[in-house]
Amino acid sequence: MSAPTVHLAGVQHSTSARFTLQVPALTIGPGVTAVLGLNGCGKTTLLRLLATVTAPEQGTLTVAGLPADDANLVAIRRRLGYLPQDDSVPRRLTVFDHVDLVAVMRELGGTARQRRGAVHRALREVQLDELAGERCGRLSGGQRRRVALAAALAGDAELLVLDEPDAHLDHEQMARLGSSLRVRAANATIVLATHDEAWAAIVADRTIRLAAGRLVGG
């Protein structure tokens, strides 16, 4: 399957009485798109919509021509890898078991052996393969962030939605992640939010900016 194109039309979504994200029209195609803007501008709200975590109060979201409604959510999510902004990695599970559990929930295709192989490859990609048997509660914040990133990357998702994947990474790790995303961009649509404009300039094919819940250019 080819990398999907994502389209939003007439989208409005409020997260509080004071904030509403408004996206009259936005099309995101294959490659890497970086979403930039100050804290509170709507980056996370936009990415949660793209990841089908929340549905827009108004307007439409389509992925590869499929409306993101109840009839199509399962099909869309099978193609999706999502890194949320919050630290949601459970402390009691081992690194491998958490990534494998997410892979099961995403219904990665193939046999159990193939799925576990995809998990190991994702852990190697974020340099956590040597900690596969370690409990997540024993890891640093940066390491847990990479565990969550591995869960999104496992299985070569065709649509990657990554909320601040560079958070807590050092310069070497950011460079390695950037190179990895550039390789994946040949066969995927990748949307990432970041505060690091210099890193975005290296990694992204396109940037879009948000300010106070509005698109302000690219």
Protein backbone atom coordinates (compact mmCIF):
# COMPACT_ATOMS: atom_id res chain seq x y z
CA MET A 1 0.00 0.00 0.00
CA SER A 2 1.16 3.54 -0.70
CA ALA A 3 1.64 6.28 1.87
CA PRO A 4 -1.77 7.84 2.61
CA THR A 5 -2.75 11.45 2.04
CA VAL A 6 -4.56 13.09 4.95
CA HIS A 7 -7.08 15.88 4.41
CA LEU A 8 -8.91 18.12 6.87
CA ALA A 9 -11.77 20.36 5.77
CA GLY A 10 -13.76 22.83 7.86
CA VAL A 11 -12.35 21.40 11.09
CA GLN A 12 -13.10 23.05 14.41
CA HIS A 13 -12.32 21.49 17.76
CA SER A 14 -12.45 23.13 21.20
CA THR A 15 -10.39 21.93 24.13
CA SER A 16 -11.65 24.61 26.51
CA ALA A 17 -13.93 27.64 26.57
CA ARG A 18 -10.90 29.72 25.58
CA PHE A 19 -9.33 27.60 22.85
CA THR A 20 -10.61 26.30 19.53
CA LEU A 21 -8.48 24.82 16.78
CA GLN A 22 -9.71 25.92 13.36
CA VAL A 23 -8.42 24.32 10.15
CA PRO A 24 -10.42 25.42 7.09
CA ALA A 25 -8.41 23.17 4.75
CA LEU A 26 -5.19 21.21 5.11
CA THR A 27 -3.77 18.40 2.99
CA ILE A 28 -0.74 16.42 4.18
CA GLY A 29 0.89 14.04 1.75
CA PRO A 30 3.78 11.55 1.81
CA GLY A 31 7.07 12.67 3.33
CA VAL A 32 7.72 14.50 6.58
CA THR A 33 5.58 17.44 7.68
CA ALA A 34 6.69 19.35 10.78
CA VAL A 35 4.13 21.28 12.83
CA LEU A 36 5.65 24.31 14.56
CA GLY A 37 4.35 26.86 17.03
CA LEU A 38 4.50 28.10 20.60
CA ASN A 39 3.10 26.17 23.55
CA GLY A 40 -0.69 26.25 23.53
CA CYS A 41 -0.97 26.99 19.81
CA GLY A 42 -2.80 23.73 19.02
CA LYS A 43 -0.06 21.35 17.87
CA THR A 44 -1.09 18.52 20.16
CA THR A 45 -4.79 19.06 19.42
CA LEU A 46 -4.07 18.81 15.69
CA LEU A 47 -1.99 15.65 16.08
CA ARG A 48 -4.62 14.00 18.29
CA LEU A 49 -7.14 14.61 15.52
CA LEU A 50 -4.79 13.19 12.88
CA ALA A 51 -4.19 10.13 15.07
CA THR A 52 -7.98 9.63 15.44
CA VAL A 53 -7.63 9.87 19.22
CA THR A 54 -10.31 12.55 19.15
CA ALA A 55 -12.87 13.37 16.48
CA PRO A 56 -13.40 16.94 15.25
CA GLU A 57 -16.48 18.64 16.63
CA GLN A 58 -17.04 20.12 13.19
CA GLY A 59 -15.62 19.32 9.76
CA THR A 60 -14.12 16.21 8.24
CA LEU A 61 -10.88 14.22 8.38
CA THR A 62 -10.07 11.70 5.67
CA VAL A 63 -7.12 9.32 5.46
CA ALA A 64 -6.37 7.81 2.05
CA GLY A 65 -9.83 8.89 0.97
CA LEU A 66 -11.56 7.19 3.91
CA PRO A 67 -13.59 9.35 6.29
CA ALA A 68 -12.27 8.91 9.83
CA ASP A 69 -15.61 7.67 11.15
CA ASP A 70 -16.66 4.57 13.09
CA ALA A 71 -16.89 2.50 9.91
CA ASN A 72 -13.25 3.15 8.95
CA LEU A 73 -11.36 3.68 12.21
CA VAL A 74 -10.06 0.12 12.48
CA ALA A 75 -8.73 0.18 8.90
CA ILE A 76 -7.07 3.56 9.44
CA ARG A 77 -5.51 2.65 12.78
CA ARG A 78 -3.95 -0.50 11.34
CA ARG A 79 -1.87 1.82 9.14
CA LEU A 80 -1.11 4.27 11.96
CA GLY A 81 1.72 4.66 14.45
CA TYR A 82 1.14 7.31 17.13
CA LEU A 83 3.48 8.87 19.69
CA PRO A 84 1.49 10.92 22.23
CA GLN A 85 2.98 13.86 24.04
CA ASP A 86 2.37 12.48 27.53
CA ASP A 87 4.43 9.80 29.24
CA SER A 88 1.98 6.90 29.10
CA VAL A 89 4.48 4.04 29.27
CA PRO A 90 3.44 1.67 32.11
CA ARG A 91 6.13 1.26 34.74
CA ARG A 92 5.56 -2.45 35.52
CA LEU A 93 5.96 -3.84 31.99
CA THR A 94 9.33 -4.58 30.45
CA VAL A 95 10.46 -2.51 27.49
CA PHE A 96 9.83 -5.37 25.07
CA ASP A 97 6.45 -6.30 26.54
CA HIS A 98 5.14 -2.75 26.28
CA VAL A 99 6.14 -2.35 22.63
CA ASP A 100 4.84 -5.84 21.85
CA LEU A 101 1.52 -5.10 23.58
CA VAL A 102 1.07 -1.97 21.48
CA ALA A 103 1.92 -4.02 18.39
CA VAL A 104 -0.81 -6.52 19.29
CA MET A 105 -3.30 -3.69 19.85
CA ARG A 106 -2.36 -2.25 16.46
CA GLU A 107 -2.99 -5.70 14.94
CA LEU A 108 0.32 -5.82 13.15
CA GLY A 109 0.09 -8.41 10.40
CA GLY A 110 1.92 -11.70 10.09
CA THR A 111 2.73 -14.35 12.67
CA ALA A 112 3.61 -13.77 16.32
CA ARG A 113 7.25 -14.44 15.40
CA GLN A 114 7.11 -11.77 12.69
CA ARG A 115 5.49 -9.30 15.10
CA ARG A 116 8.17 -9.90 17.72
CA GLY A 117 10.81 -9.41 15.04
CA ALA A 118 9.25 -6.03 14.20
CA VAL A 119 9.37 -5.11 17.89
CA HIS A 120 13.06 -5.98 18.14
CA ARG A 121 13.83 -3.95 15.00
CA ALA A 122 12.03 -0.92 16.42
CA LEU A 123 13.94 -1.20 19.70
CA ARG A 124 17.23 -1.37 17.79
CA GLU A 125 16.17 1.69 15.81
CA VAL A 126 15.86 3.73 19.04
CA GLN A 127 18.89 2.01 20.64
CA LEU A 128 16.98 0.23 23.38
CA ASP A 129 17.48 -3.37 22.28
CA GLU A 130 19.90 -4.02 25.15
CA LEU A 131 17.22 -2.89 27.63
CA ALA A 132 14.44 -5.01 26.16
CA GLY A 133 14.06 -7.02 29.38
CA GLU A 134 14.24 -4.02 31.74
CA ARG A 135 11.11 -2.77 33.48
CA CYS A 136 10.02 0.63 32.17
CA GLY A 137 9.83 2.00 35.70
CA ARG A 138 13.61 1.68 36.00
CA LEU A 139 14.27 3.83 32.94
CA SER A 140 14.96 7.54 32.70
CA GLY A 141 12.37 9.89 31.24
CA GLY A 142 14.30 10.05 27.98
CA GLN A 143 14.51 6.26 27.75
CA ARG A 144 10.77 5.90 28.37
CA ARG A 145 10.21 8.43 25.59
CA ARG A 146 12.18 6.19 23.25
CA VAL A 147 10.14 3.18 24.36
CA ALA A 148 6.96 5.02 23.32
CA LEU A 149 8.63 6.00 20.05
CA ALA A 150 9.55 2.38 19.36
CA ALA A 151 5.92 1.40 19.89
CA ALA A 152 4.91 3.91 17.20
CA LEU A 153 7.64 2.82 14.78
CA ALA A 154 7.15 -0.95 15.05
CA GLY A 155 5.76 -2.52 11.90
CA ASP A 156 6.63 0.25 9.45
CA ALA A 157 3.37 2.19 9.78
CA GLU A 158 2.38 4.08 6.63
CA LEU A 159 1.06 7.01 8.69
CA LEU A 160 3.19 8.21 11.60
CA VAL A 161 1.89 10.91 13.93
CA LEU A 162 4.63 11.90 16.37
CA ASP A 163 4.09 14.52 19.07
CA GLU A 164 7.53 15.93 19.99
CA PRO A 165 9.53 12.78 19.17
CA ASP A 166 12.72 14.75 19.84
CA ALA A 167 11.79 15.53 23.46
CA HIS A 168 14.47 14.44 25.97
CA LEU A 169 16.83 13.32 23.20
CA ASP A 170 20.44 14.47 23.01
CA HIS A 171 21.92 15.84 19.79
CA GLU A 172 23.27 12.46 18.66
CA GLN A 173 19.93 10.76 19.26
CA MET A 174 18.09 13.55 17.42
CA ALA A 175 20.39 13.18 14.44
CA ARG A 176 19.85 9.43 14.40
CA LEU A 177 16.08 9.84 14.68
CA GLY A 178 16.10 12.38 11.87
CA SER A 179 17.99 10.00 9.60
CA SER A 180 15.59 7.19 10.46
CA LEU A 181 12.54 9.33 9.66
CA ARG A 182 14.06 10.44 6.36
CA VAL A 183 14.44 6.77 5.36
CA ARG A 184 10.86 6.01 6.40
CA ALA A 185 9.57 9.07 4.53
CA ALA A 186 10.09 7.26 1.22
CA ASN A 187 7.13 5.01 2.05
CA ALA A 188 5.17 6.89 4.69
CA THR A 189 3.31 10.04 5.59
CA ILE A 190 4.92 11.43 8.73
CA VAL A 191 3.57 14.32 10.79
CA LEU A 192 5.60 15.50 13.75
CA ALA A 193 5.33 18.36 16.20
CA THR A 194 8.51 19.97 17.49
CA HIS A 195 9.84 23.15 19.07
CA ASP A 196 13.23 22.73 17.42
CA GLU A 197 13.05 24.66 14.15
CA ALA A 198 16.64 23.83 13.20
CA TRP A 199 15.96 20.10 13.51
CA ALA A 200 12.69 20.48 11.59
CA ALA A 201 14.54 22.24 8.77
CA ILE A 202 16.80 19.20 8.41
CA VAL A 203 14.18 16.49 8.78
CA ALA A 204 11.00 17.87 7.20
CA ASP A 205 9.94 18.25 3.59
CA ARG A 206 7.36 20.78 4.65
CA THR A 207 6.53 22.86 7.73
CA ILE A 208 3.23 24.29 8.84
CA ARG A 209 2.76 26.80 11.63
CA LEU A 210 0.04 27.27 14.17
CA ALA A 211 -0.71 30.33 16.29
CA ALA A 212 -3.65 30.52 18.68
CA GLY A 213 -5.35 27.61 16.96
CA ARG A 214 -4.97 28.94 13.41
CA LEU A 215 -2.78 27.99 10.48
CA VAL A 216 -0.44 30.87 9.76
CA GLY A 217 1.58 29.66 6.77
CA GLY A 218 4.13 27.05 5.78
